[in-house]
N, C-alpha and C. Protein backbone atom coordinates (compact mmCIF):
# COMPACT_ATOMS: atom_id res chain seq x y z
N MET A 1 57.32 -12.20 7.58
CA MET A 1 57.24 -13.32 7.91
C MET A 1 56.06 -14.26 7.25
N GLY A 2 55.04 -13.40 7.00
CA GLY A 2 53.58 -14.05 6.72
C GLY A 2 52.87 -14.39 7.77
N ASP A 3 51.66 -15.11 7.29
CA ASP A 3 50.84 -15.64 8.31
C ASP A 3 51.30 -16.95 9.07
N LEU A 4 51.36 -16.79 10.46
CA LEU A 4 51.80 -17.95 11.29
C LEU A 4 50.85 -18.24 12.39
N GLU A 5 51.06 -19.31 12.83
CA GLU A 5 49.94 -20.04 13.83
C GLU A 5 50.49 -19.38 15.26
N ILE A 6 49.45 -18.71 15.89
CA ILE A 6 49.77 -18.08 17.28
C ILE A 6 49.00 -18.72 18.33
N ALA A 7 49.71 -19.07 19.34
CA ALA A 7 49.07 -19.67 20.51
C ALA A 7 49.49 -18.65 21.75
N ALA A 8 48.71 -19.09 22.93
CA ALA A 8 49.11 -18.15 24.15
C ALA A 8 49.46 -19.16 25.30
N TYR A 9 50.25 -18.58 26.41
CA TYR A 9 50.60 -19.45 27.54
C TYR A 9 50.83 -18.42 28.53
N SER A 10 50.90 -19.12 29.80
CA SER A 10 51.06 -18.24 30.98
C SER A 10 52.02 -19.26 31.86
N MET A 11 52.67 -18.62 32.92
CA MET A 11 53.65 -19.26 33.69
C MET A 11 53.48 -18.83 35.14
N THR A 12 53.92 -19.62 36.12
CA THR A 12 54.01 -19.31 37.32
C THR A 12 55.18 -18.29 37.64
N GLU A 13 55.06 -17.56 38.81
CA GLU A 13 55.89 -16.37 39.09
C GLU A 13 57.43 -17.00 39.26
N LYS A 14 57.45 -18.25 39.45
CA LYS A 14 58.78 -18.89 39.77
C LYS A 14 59.44 -19.28 38.49
N ASN A 15 58.88 -19.34 37.51
CA ASN A 15 59.37 -19.67 36.11
C ASN A 15 59.89 -18.40 35.50
N LEU A 16 61.12 -18.82 34.78
CA LEU A 16 61.68 -17.90 34.07
C LEU A 16 61.60 -18.21 32.50
N THR A 17 61.84 -17.19 31.71
CA THR A 17 61.95 -17.50 30.42
C THR A 17 63.27 -18.17 29.82
N PHE A 18 63.38 -18.43 28.58
CA PHE A 18 64.68 -19.00 27.97
C PHE A 18 65.67 -18.08 28.02
N SER A 19 65.45 -16.83 28.09
CA SER A 19 66.51 -15.70 28.23
C SER A 19 66.84 -15.57 29.65
N GLY A 20 66.28 -16.23 30.61
CA GLY A 20 66.57 -15.94 31.96
C GLY A 20 65.76 -14.88 32.70
N LYS A 21 64.80 -14.29 31.92
CA LYS A 21 64.22 -13.05 32.52
C LYS A 21 62.82 -13.50 32.95
N LYS A 22 62.11 -12.67 33.72
CA LYS A 22 60.85 -12.87 34.19
C LYS A 22 59.96 -12.57 33.04
N PRO A 23 58.99 -13.48 32.58
CA PRO A 23 58.09 -13.22 31.48
C PRO A 23 57.19 -11.99 31.67
N ARG A 24 57.03 -11.00 30.73
CA ARG A 24 56.22 -9.73 30.97
C ARG A 24 54.95 -9.92 30.04
N ASP A 25 53.92 -9.50 30.82
CA ASP A 25 52.50 -9.60 30.26
C ASP A 25 52.43 -8.45 28.93
N GLY A 26 52.16 -8.82 27.91
CA GLY A 26 52.09 -7.94 26.92
C GLY A 26 53.41 -7.58 26.01
N VAL A 27 54.44 -8.23 26.43
CA VAL A 27 55.73 -8.08 25.90
C VAL A 27 56.42 -9.26 25.44
N THR A 28 56.39 -10.25 26.26
CA THR A 28 57.13 -11.52 26.13
C THR A 28 56.43 -12.41 25.14
N LEU A 29 57.36 -12.86 24.15
CA LEU A 29 56.92 -13.91 23.12
C LEU A 29 57.78 -15.07 23.13
N ALA A 30 57.18 -16.24 23.07
CA ALA A 30 58.05 -17.35 22.73
C ALA A 30 57.87 -17.78 21.30
N ALA A 31 59.03 -18.18 20.79
CA ALA A 31 59.05 -18.41 19.37
C ALA A 31 59.77 -19.69 18.99
N ASP A 32 59.67 -20.09 17.69
CA ASP A 32 60.49 -21.09 17.08
C ASP A 32 61.86 -20.67 16.71
N PHE A 33 63.02 -21.08 17.29
CA PHE A 33 64.31 -20.60 17.14
C PHE A 33 64.74 -20.95 15.69
N SER A 34 64.06 -21.67 15.06
CA SER A 34 64.50 -21.77 13.52
C SER A 34 64.08 -20.70 12.62
N GLN A 35 63.20 -19.86 13.23
CA GLN A 35 62.67 -18.67 12.48
C GLN A 35 63.05 -17.35 13.08
N PHE A 36 63.36 -17.44 14.38
CA PHE A 36 63.49 -16.22 15.17
C PHE A 36 64.57 -16.34 15.97
N GLU A 37 65.11 -15.16 16.67
CA GLU A 37 66.35 -15.16 17.60
C GLU A 37 65.81 -14.41 18.70
N LEU A 38 66.52 -14.73 19.89
CA LEU A 38 66.27 -14.08 21.16
C LEU A 38 66.47 -12.45 20.81
N GLY A 39 65.57 -11.66 21.39
CA GLY A 39 65.66 -10.25 21.14
C GLY A 39 64.86 -9.62 20.07
N ASP A 40 64.54 -10.49 19.12
CA ASP A 40 63.89 -10.01 17.97
C ASP A 40 62.51 -9.31 18.25
N GLN A 41 62.24 -8.19 17.69
CA GLN A 41 61.07 -7.61 17.86
C GLN A 41 59.89 -8.08 16.96
N VAL A 42 58.67 -8.28 17.31
CA VAL A 42 57.72 -8.98 16.54
C VAL A 42 56.38 -8.35 16.65
N ARG A 43 55.94 -7.72 15.47
CA ARG A 43 54.49 -7.17 15.56
C ARG A 43 53.52 -8.15 15.16
N ILE A 44 52.56 -8.24 15.97
CA ILE A 44 51.25 -8.98 15.69
C ILE A 44 50.13 -8.14 15.90
N GLY A 45 49.51 -7.70 14.89
CA GLY A 45 48.33 -6.81 14.83
C GLY A 45 48.99 -5.58 15.25
N ASP A 46 48.25 -4.76 16.48
CA ASP A 46 48.82 -3.51 16.73
C ASP A 46 49.83 -3.61 17.90
N SER A 47 50.27 -4.88 18.31
CA SER A 47 51.11 -4.92 19.46
C SER A 47 52.54 -5.54 19.01
N VAL A 48 53.50 -5.00 19.69
CA VAL A 48 54.85 -5.45 19.45
C VAL A 48 55.41 -6.16 20.59
N TYR A 49 56.04 -7.38 20.42
CA TYR A 49 56.48 -8.24 21.28
C TYR A 49 57.98 -8.36 21.29
N VAL A 50 58.62 -8.91 22.18
CA VAL A 50 60.03 -9.12 22.16
C VAL A 50 60.28 -10.76 22.36
N VAL A 51 60.99 -11.39 21.60
CA VAL A 51 61.32 -12.90 21.64
C VAL A 51 62.11 -13.05 22.81
N GLU A 52 61.60 -13.61 24.10
CA GLU A 52 62.41 -13.72 25.24
C GLU A 52 62.30 -15.28 25.65
N ASP A 53 61.50 -16.10 24.84
CA ASP A 53 61.24 -17.43 25.26
C ASP A 53 61.36 -18.29 24.10
N LYS A 54 61.38 -19.64 24.33
CA LYS A 54 61.23 -20.62 23.24
C LYS A 54 59.95 -21.59 23.26
N VAL A 55 59.46 -21.75 22.17
CA VAL A 55 58.40 -22.79 22.13
C VAL A 55 58.83 -24.21 22.22
N GLY A 56 58.05 -25.05 22.72
CA GLY A 56 58.41 -26.26 22.71
C GLY A 56 58.97 -27.07 21.45
N ASP A 57 59.89 -27.98 21.69
CA ASP A 57 60.36 -28.55 20.43
C ASP A 57 59.38 -29.14 19.58
N ASN A 58 58.30 -29.79 19.94
CA ASN A 58 57.22 -30.40 19.33
C ASN A 58 56.05 -29.63 19.11
N ALA A 59 56.21 -28.29 19.50
CA ALA A 59 54.96 -27.37 19.35
C ALA A 59 54.53 -27.17 17.91
N ALA A 60 53.26 -27.17 17.75
CA ALA A 60 52.59 -27.04 16.44
C ALA A 60 52.56 -25.44 16.01
N GLU A 61 52.66 -24.61 17.02
CA GLU A 61 52.52 -23.32 16.77
C GLU A 61 53.91 -22.55 16.69
N ASP A 62 53.93 -21.49 15.89
CA ASP A 62 55.31 -20.74 15.63
C ASP A 62 55.71 -19.83 16.71
N VAL A 63 54.67 -19.25 17.24
CA VAL A 63 54.91 -18.11 18.33
C VAL A 63 53.88 -18.28 19.38
N CYS A 64 54.24 -17.95 20.63
CA CYS A 64 53.19 -18.04 21.83
C CYS A 64 53.37 -16.62 22.46
N VAL A 65 52.18 -16.06 22.57
CA VAL A 65 52.06 -14.86 23.31
C VAL A 65 51.89 -15.13 24.93
N TYR A 66 52.72 -14.41 25.64
CA TYR A 66 52.66 -14.58 27.17
C TYR A 66 51.52 -13.67 27.68
N PHE A 67 50.71 -14.31 28.57
CA PHE A 67 49.73 -13.76 29.37
C PHE A 67 50.10 -14.10 30.88
N GLU A 68 49.98 -12.97 31.63
CA GLU A 68 50.24 -13.25 33.19
C GLU A 68 48.87 -14.06 33.72
N SER A 69 47.66 -13.84 33.09
CA SER A 69 46.62 -14.61 33.67
C SER A 69 46.39 -15.76 32.75
N SER A 70 46.24 -16.96 33.29
CA SER A 70 46.02 -18.21 32.48
C SER A 70 44.71 -17.98 31.89
N GLN A 71 43.73 -17.42 32.33
CA GLN A 71 42.32 -17.18 31.81
C GLN A 71 42.52 -16.36 30.42
N ASP A 72 43.33 -15.33 30.64
CA ASP A 72 43.47 -14.59 29.35
C ASP A 72 44.19 -15.34 28.29
N ALA A 73 45.09 -16.13 28.55
CA ALA A 73 45.82 -17.05 27.70
C ALA A 73 44.72 -17.89 26.93
N LEU A 74 43.77 -18.47 27.86
CA LEU A 74 42.87 -19.60 27.34
C LEU A 74 41.99 -18.81 26.60
N MET A 75 41.53 -17.61 26.74
CA MET A 75 40.64 -16.88 25.96
C MET A 75 41.18 -16.55 24.55
N PHE A 76 42.62 -16.16 24.53
CA PHE A 76 43.34 -15.95 23.27
C PHE A 76 43.18 -17.04 22.30
N GLY A 77 43.33 -18.22 23.00
CA GLY A 77 43.35 -19.45 22.05
C GLY A 77 44.41 -19.52 21.11
N ARG A 78 43.97 -19.89 19.80
CA ARG A 78 44.79 -20.24 18.81
C ARG A 78 44.25 -19.33 17.51
N GLN A 79 45.20 -18.67 16.95
CA GLN A 79 45.01 -17.76 15.93
C GLN A 79 46.07 -17.87 14.78
N VAL A 80 45.68 -17.45 13.57
CA VAL A 80 46.48 -17.27 12.46
C VAL A 80 46.49 -15.77 12.02
N GLN A 81 47.56 -15.13 12.24
CA GLN A 81 47.79 -13.62 11.82
C GLN A 81 49.05 -13.46 11.19
N PRO A 82 49.09 -12.27 10.37
CA PRO A 82 50.29 -11.89 9.84
C PRO A 82 51.32 -11.48 10.94
N VAL A 83 52.57 -12.10 10.77
CA VAL A 83 53.57 -11.54 11.78
C VAL A 83 54.71 -11.03 11.06
N TYR A 84 55.28 -9.71 11.80
CA TYR A 84 56.17 -9.06 11.21
C TYR A 84 57.39 -9.09 12.17
N ARG A 85 58.64 -9.26 11.60
CA ARG A 85 59.87 -9.66 12.60
C ARG A 85 60.84 -8.38 12.27
N LYS A 86 61.45 -7.91 13.20
CA LYS A 86 62.65 -7.00 13.11
C LYS A 86 63.81 -7.72 13.83
N ARG A 87 64.82 -7.86 13.36
CA ARG A 87 65.85 -8.78 13.91
C ARG A 87 66.58 -7.99 15.02
N ALA A 88 66.91 -8.68 16.05
CA ALA A 88 67.50 -8.10 17.36
C ALA A 88 68.60 -7.27 16.94
N ASP A 89 69.61 -7.59 15.97
CA ASP A 89 70.77 -6.86 15.61
C ASP A 89 70.49 -5.82 14.42
N ALA A 90 69.30 -5.77 14.03
CA ALA A 90 68.81 -4.82 12.81
C ALA A 90 69.30 -3.50 13.19
N PRO A 91 70.13 -2.74 12.07
CA PRO A 91 70.43 -1.41 12.41
C PRO A 91 69.26 -0.55 12.11
N GLU A 92 69.28 0.59 13.18
CA GLU A 92 68.33 1.59 12.94
C GLU A 92 68.44 2.49 11.71
N ASP A 93 69.63 2.76 11.30
CA ASP A 93 69.97 3.71 10.04
C ASP A 93 69.88 2.66 8.79
N THR A 94 68.93 2.76 8.04
CA THR A 94 68.85 1.90 6.82
C THR A 94 69.06 2.65 5.50
N GLU A 95 69.38 3.79 5.45
CA GLU A 95 69.51 4.67 4.30
C GLU A 95 70.42 4.10 3.23
N PHE A 96 71.73 3.63 3.73
CA PHE A 96 72.68 3.05 2.94
C PHE A 96 72.95 1.60 3.06
N LEU A 97 72.02 0.89 3.62
CA LEU A 97 72.03 -0.39 3.98
C LEU A 97 71.83 -1.27 2.77
N ILE A 98 72.82 -2.20 2.43
CA ILE A 98 72.60 -3.11 1.21
C ILE A 98 71.81 -4.39 1.83
N GLY A 99 72.17 -4.87 2.82
CA GLY A 99 71.74 -6.11 3.39
C GLY A 99 72.58 -6.80 4.30
N ARG A 100 72.24 -7.88 4.85
CA ARG A 100 72.97 -8.84 5.69
C ARG A 100 73.56 -9.92 4.95
N PHE A 101 74.80 -10.01 5.04
CA PHE A 101 75.79 -10.88 4.24
C PHE A 101 76.47 -11.88 5.04
N GLU A 102 76.66 -13.00 4.32
CA GLU A 102 77.66 -13.97 4.83
C GLU A 102 79.10 -13.50 4.64
N ILE A 103 80.02 -13.33 5.43
CA ILE A 103 81.32 -12.77 5.02
C ILE A 103 82.33 -14.10 5.32
N THR A 104 83.15 -14.16 4.42
CA THR A 104 84.28 -15.22 4.39
C THR A 104 85.54 -14.68 4.07
N GLY A 105 86.61 -15.45 4.27
CA GLY A 105 88.00 -14.88 3.72
C GLY A 105 88.70 -15.67 2.75
N TYR A 106 89.54 -14.95 1.95
CA TYR A 106 90.32 -15.83 1.03
C TYR A 106 91.77 -15.25 0.78
N CYS A 107 92.57 -15.72 0.18
CA CYS A 107 93.80 -15.24 -0.15
C CYS A 107 94.30 -15.77 -1.48
N SER A 108 95.47 -15.41 -1.88
CA SER A 108 95.91 -15.66 -3.26
C SER A 108 96.57 -17.04 -3.36
N CYS A 109 96.48 -17.94 -2.33
CA CYS A 109 96.99 -19.35 -2.51
C CYS A 109 96.34 -20.11 -3.53
N ASP A 110 97.00 -21.27 -3.82
CA ASP A 110 96.40 -22.30 -4.75
C ASP A 110 95.15 -22.83 -4.29
N ILE A 111 95.16 -22.94 -2.82
CA ILE A 111 93.84 -23.50 -2.32
C ILE A 111 92.67 -22.65 -2.42
N CYS A 112 92.80 -21.26 -2.40
CA CYS A 112 91.69 -20.42 -2.47
C CYS A 112 91.45 -20.03 -3.87
N CYS A 113 92.42 -19.77 -4.67
CA CYS A 113 92.34 -19.29 -5.99
C CYS A 113 92.78 -20.21 -7.22
N GLY A 114 93.17 -21.58 -6.81
CA GLY A 114 93.65 -22.30 -7.83
C GLY A 114 95.05 -21.95 -8.51
N GLU A 115 95.66 -22.91 -9.26
CA GLU A 115 96.92 -22.65 -9.69
C GLU A 115 96.83 -21.87 -10.97
N LYS A 116 97.40 -20.67 -10.84
CA LYS A 116 97.45 -19.58 -11.91
C LYS A 116 98.80 -18.82 -11.84
N GLU A 117 99.23 -18.36 -12.73
CA GLU A 117 100.61 -17.69 -12.71
C GLU A 117 100.38 -16.24 -12.05
N GLU A 118 99.44 -15.48 -12.62
CA GLU A 118 99.18 -14.22 -12.18
C GLU A 118 98.06 -14.26 -11.04
N LYS A 119 98.34 -13.71 -9.91
CA LYS A 119 97.32 -13.71 -8.87
C LYS A 119 96.70 -12.28 -8.71
N LEU A 120 95.81 -12.20 -9.88
CA LEU A 120 95.22 -10.73 -9.97
C LEU A 120 93.66 -10.95 -9.63
N THR A 121 93.28 -9.91 -9.34
CA THR A 121 91.68 -9.88 -9.22
C THR A 121 90.98 -9.89 -10.51
N ARG A 122 89.61 -10.14 -10.56
CA ARG A 122 88.89 -10.04 -11.85
C ARG A 122 88.95 -8.64 -12.30
N SER A 123 89.08 -7.57 -11.60
CA SER A 123 89.42 -6.24 -12.11
C SER A 123 90.86 -5.96 -12.73
N GLY A 124 91.72 -7.03 -12.60
CA GLY A 124 93.09 -7.02 -13.13
C GLY A 124 93.91 -6.14 -12.07
N THR A 125 93.54 -6.13 -10.91
CA THR A 125 94.41 -5.46 -9.91
C THR A 125 95.06 -6.37 -9.04
N VAL A 126 96.05 -5.99 -8.22
CA VAL A 126 96.71 -6.73 -7.19
C VAL A 126 96.05 -6.60 -5.97
N PRO A 127 95.42 -7.77 -5.34
CA PRO A 127 94.47 -7.67 -4.19
C PRO A 127 95.32 -7.16 -3.05
N ARG A 128 94.59 -6.51 -2.20
CA ARG A 128 95.18 -5.79 -0.93
C ARG A 128 94.42 -6.13 0.27
N ALA A 129 95.10 -6.64 1.24
CA ALA A 129 94.32 -6.84 2.55
C ALA A 129 93.77 -5.55 3.12
N GLY A 130 92.63 -5.73 3.67
CA GLY A 130 91.99 -4.43 4.21
C GLY A 130 91.36 -3.57 3.28
N HIS A 131 91.30 -3.97 1.96
CA HIS A 131 90.88 -3.23 0.77
C HIS A 131 89.93 -4.05 -0.09
N THR A 132 90.55 -5.18 -0.48
CA THR A 132 89.79 -5.97 -1.56
C THR A 132 88.87 -6.97 -1.05
N VAL A 133 87.76 -6.94 -1.61
CA VAL A 133 86.73 -8.04 -1.62
C VAL A 133 86.22 -8.65 -2.73
N ALA A 134 85.70 -9.88 -2.78
CA ALA A 134 85.03 -10.53 -3.89
C ALA A 134 83.66 -10.59 -3.57
N ALA A 135 82.82 -10.49 -4.70
CA ALA A 135 81.34 -10.29 -4.43
C ALA A 135 80.69 -10.98 -5.81
N ASP A 136 79.51 -11.30 -5.56
CA ASP A 136 78.59 -11.56 -6.83
C ASP A 136 78.36 -10.21 -7.49
N PRO A 137 78.77 -10.21 -8.87
CA PRO A 137 78.56 -9.03 -9.58
C PRO A 137 77.11 -8.66 -9.76
N ASP A 138 76.21 -9.53 -9.62
CA ASP A 138 74.76 -9.48 -9.86
C ASP A 138 74.15 -8.91 -8.62
N VAL A 139 75.07 -8.85 -7.45
CA VAL A 139 74.63 -8.08 -6.21
C VAL A 139 75.43 -6.86 -6.10
N LEU A 140 76.70 -7.06 -6.13
CA LEU A 140 77.61 -5.94 -5.87
C LEU A 140 78.34 -5.69 -7.19
N PRO A 141 78.28 -4.92 -8.14
CA PRO A 141 79.13 -4.91 -9.14
C PRO A 141 80.56 -4.51 -9.01
N LEU A 142 81.42 -4.95 -9.99
CA LEU A 142 82.80 -4.44 -9.57
C LEU A 142 82.91 -2.83 -9.55
N GLY A 143 83.75 -2.55 -8.61
CA GLY A 143 83.98 -1.11 -8.29
C GLY A 143 83.12 -0.56 -7.32
N SER A 144 82.13 -1.49 -6.80
CA SER A 144 81.31 -0.97 -5.60
C SER A 144 82.13 -0.70 -4.31
N ILE A 145 81.80 0.34 -3.67
CA ILE A 145 82.57 0.60 -2.45
C ILE A 145 81.54 0.53 -1.33
N ILE A 146 81.92 -0.51 -0.42
CA ILE A 146 81.16 -0.86 0.68
C ILE A 146 81.78 -0.74 2.02
N ARG A 147 80.95 -0.70 3.13
CA ARG A 147 81.59 -0.77 4.40
C ARG A 147 80.97 -1.99 5.26
N ILE A 148 81.85 -2.59 5.88
CA ILE A 148 81.69 -3.71 6.74
C ILE A 148 82.26 -3.30 8.05
N GLU A 149 81.11 -3.03 9.08
CA GLU A 149 81.63 -2.51 10.40
C GLU A 149 82.43 -1.18 10.07
N ASP A 150 83.75 -1.19 10.46
CA ASP A 150 84.27 0.20 10.36
C ASP A 150 85.42 0.30 9.19
N THR A 151 85.24 -0.72 8.40
CA THR A 151 86.27 -0.69 7.22
C THR A 151 85.69 -0.57 5.90
N ILE A 152 86.25 0.27 5.15
CA ILE A 152 85.89 0.40 3.75
C ILE A 152 86.42 -0.40 2.83
N TYR A 153 85.72 -1.03 2.02
CA TYR A 153 86.31 -2.02 0.97
C TYR A 153 86.04 -1.70 -0.48
N LEU A 154 86.75 -2.31 -1.31
CA LEU A 154 86.39 -2.05 -2.77
C LEU A 154 86.12 -3.35 -3.32
N VAL A 155 84.96 -3.63 -4.18
CA VAL A 155 84.70 -4.85 -4.76
C VAL A 155 85.59 -4.88 -6.10
N GLU A 156 86.64 -5.80 -6.00
CA GLU A 156 87.56 -5.90 -7.11
C GLU A 156 87.48 -7.20 -7.71
N ASP A 157 86.89 -8.22 -7.00
CA ASP A 157 87.13 -9.74 -7.42
C ASP A 157 85.70 -10.41 -7.47
N THR A 158 85.86 -11.54 -8.02
CA THR A 158 84.46 -12.34 -7.96
C THR A 158 84.99 -13.76 -7.56
N GLY A 159 84.14 -14.71 -7.43
CA GLY A 159 84.47 -16.07 -7.07
C GLY A 159 83.47 -17.04 -7.43
N ARG A 160 83.98 -18.26 -7.74
CA ARG A 160 83.03 -19.34 -7.99
C ARG A 160 82.05 -19.60 -7.09
N GLU A 161 82.52 -19.55 -5.80
CA GLU A 161 81.57 -19.85 -4.61
C GLU A 161 80.96 -18.60 -4.00
N VAL A 162 81.15 -17.44 -4.61
CA VAL A 162 80.68 -16.09 -4.08
C VAL A 162 79.44 -15.82 -4.90
N LYS A 163 78.37 -16.19 -4.21
CA LYS A 163 77.01 -16.12 -4.90
C LYS A 163 75.96 -15.36 -3.95
N GLY A 164 75.17 -14.56 -4.44
CA GLY A 164 74.13 -14.07 -3.64
C GLY A 164 74.67 -13.14 -2.62
N ASN A 165 74.14 -13.24 -1.31
CA ASN A 165 74.53 -12.39 -0.37
C ASN A 165 75.82 -12.85 0.46
N VAL A 166 76.85 -12.95 -0.26
CA VAL A 166 78.17 -13.60 0.21
C VAL A 166 79.25 -12.58 -0.18
N ILE A 167 80.24 -12.23 0.74
CA ILE A 167 81.34 -11.50 0.37
C ILE A 167 82.66 -12.10 0.90
N ASP A 168 83.52 -12.26 0.12
CA ASP A 168 84.97 -12.80 0.41
C ASP A 168 85.86 -11.60 0.75
N ILE A 169 86.39 -11.60 2.02
CA ILE A 169 87.40 -10.43 2.22
C ILE A 169 88.92 -11.09 1.77
N TYR A 170 89.66 -10.22 1.13
CA TYR A 170 91.13 -10.84 0.97
C TYR A 170 91.94 -10.47 2.07
N PHE A 171 92.70 -11.79 2.32
CA PHE A 171 93.83 -11.57 3.55
C PHE A 171 95.09 -11.86 2.89
N ASP A 172 96.17 -11.48 3.48
CA ASP A 172 97.62 -11.70 2.85
C ASP A 172 98.02 -13.20 3.03
N THR A 173 97.43 -13.88 4.09
CA THR A 173 97.82 -15.22 4.35
C THR A 173 96.68 -16.11 4.37
N HIS A 174 96.80 -17.45 4.03
CA HIS A 174 95.75 -18.35 4.08
C HIS A 174 95.25 -18.64 5.61
N GLU A 175 96.37 -18.65 6.42
CA GLU A 175 95.81 -18.78 7.92
C GLU A 175 94.89 -17.56 8.40
N GLU A 176 95.19 -16.41 7.97
CA GLU A 176 94.32 -15.34 8.32
C GLU A 176 92.91 -15.55 7.85
N ALA A 177 92.81 -15.95 6.57
CA ALA A 177 91.50 -16.28 6.02
C ALA A 177 90.76 -17.27 6.69
N VAL A 178 91.42 -18.37 6.96
CA VAL A 178 90.83 -19.61 7.68
C VAL A 178 90.53 -19.14 8.95
N ASN A 179 91.19 -18.35 9.70
CA ASN A 179 90.89 -17.83 11.14
C ASN A 179 89.81 -17.02 11.05
N PHE A 180 89.50 -16.41 10.12
CA PHE A 180 88.53 -15.27 9.94
C PHE A 180 87.16 -16.05 10.00
N GLY A 181 87.02 -17.34 9.31
CA GLY A 181 85.92 -18.08 9.36
C GLY A 181 84.75 -17.49 8.65
N ARG A 182 83.57 -17.94 9.09
CA ARG A 182 82.34 -17.21 8.44
C ARG A 182 81.59 -16.56 9.42
N GLN A 183 81.24 -15.29 9.05
CA GLN A 183 80.55 -14.30 9.90
C GLN A 183 79.41 -13.82 9.11
N LYS A 184 78.49 -13.17 10.08
CA LYS A 184 77.34 -12.32 9.39
C LYS A 184 77.48 -10.93 9.86
N HIS A 185 77.35 -10.15 8.78
CA HIS A 185 77.51 -8.69 9.09
C HIS A 185 76.56 -7.91 8.05
N TYR A 186 76.08 -6.68 8.53
CA TYR A 186 75.32 -5.82 7.80
C TYR A 186 76.36 -4.99 7.01
N VAL A 187 75.98 -4.90 5.54
CA VAL A 187 76.98 -4.18 4.67
C VAL A 187 76.23 -2.96 4.01
N TYR A 188 77.04 -1.88 3.94
CA TYR A 188 76.58 -0.61 3.63
C TYR A 188 77.16 0.03 2.40
N GLU A 189 76.46 0.57 1.61
CA GLU A 189 77.05 1.26 0.45
C GLU A 189 77.66 2.46 0.91
N GLU A 190 78.96 2.77 0.41
CA GLU A 190 79.55 3.77 0.77
C GLU A 190 79.72 4.90 -0.23
N ASN A 191 79.99 6.14 0.15
CA ASN A 191 80.26 7.23 -0.91
C ASN A 191 79.12 7.36 -1.98
N LYS A 192 77.72 7.22 -1.38
CA LYS A 192 76.63 7.12 -2.46
C LYS A 192 76.34 8.66 -2.71
N SER A 193 76.08 8.90 -3.94
CA SER A 193 75.68 10.38 -4.42
C SER A 193 74.17 10.58 -4.06
N ASP A 194 73.77 11.76 -3.81
CA ASP A 194 72.38 12.05 -3.68
C ASP A 194 72.01 12.54 -5.00
N PRO A 195 70.69 12.81 -5.33
CA PRO A 195 70.24 13.16 -6.65
C PRO A 195 71.10 14.47 -7.20
N LYS A 196 71.52 15.33 -6.30
CA LYS A 196 72.26 16.56 -6.78
C LYS A 196 73.76 16.14 -7.14
N GLY A 197 74.13 14.93 -6.92
CA GLY A 197 75.48 14.59 -7.13
C GLY A 197 76.42 14.85 -6.06
N ASN A 198 76.02 15.13 -4.81
CA ASN A 198 76.84 15.40 -3.55
C ASN A 198 77.03 13.97 -3.02
N LYS A 199 78.30 13.85 -2.66
CA LYS A 199 78.80 12.57 -2.03
C LYS A 199 78.18 12.46 -0.59
N LYS A 200 77.76 11.34 -0.23
CA LYS A 200 77.08 11.21 1.15
C LYS A 200 77.72 9.69 1.69
N SER A 201 77.77 9.70 2.94
CA SER A 201 78.31 8.49 3.54
C SER A 201 77.36 8.27 4.76
N ASN A 202 77.01 6.96 5.14
CA ASN A 202 76.15 6.61 6.18
C ASN A 202 77.07 6.37 7.47
N LYS A 203 78.39 6.59 7.22
CA LYS A 203 79.26 6.30 8.58
C LYS A 203 79.18 7.44 9.46
N LYS A 204 78.71 7.05 10.78
CA LYS A 204 78.44 8.17 11.80
C LYS A 204 79.82 8.60 12.35
């Protein structure tokens, strides 16, 4: 996250955090929700906090450390320190993790792929639901085998709007593609070989 402005605050026992919990000394952190999410773990110095509260809409600081004692909060004052964030939904196993992607859906209709006689993928194959995805070849080259949640996909296609950390999953119908909407998921590399050439998988 880099260097952020950090302040401190305290609350009465009757007050609850934005997450509906009682604030905890040395644990609770209020944060700017444009940069953090509830449940994120945040390391500041040698301490690890959990985002359980929200800073005020007009607050100058990015995060606020909760202190049970108002005197301790006052003594903390305002500081600028390096802040490190771990997302609330970040996976523990990162050996095969490629990254967090925006996942969308598409089909072979004229709306999704334009008017063309042959509805083939960029690889020259017939797209298959539950198998084919389109990706940015600079991020995931054609032929890459990936896992999204519990489904294994093959990168067989590309797309004009598929750039960066975006993956388009192929569906049989336009309705299914539209209903899928836009989702965020962690994407894993599947069937990766170790240095000895043995096939490995991160699927548990």
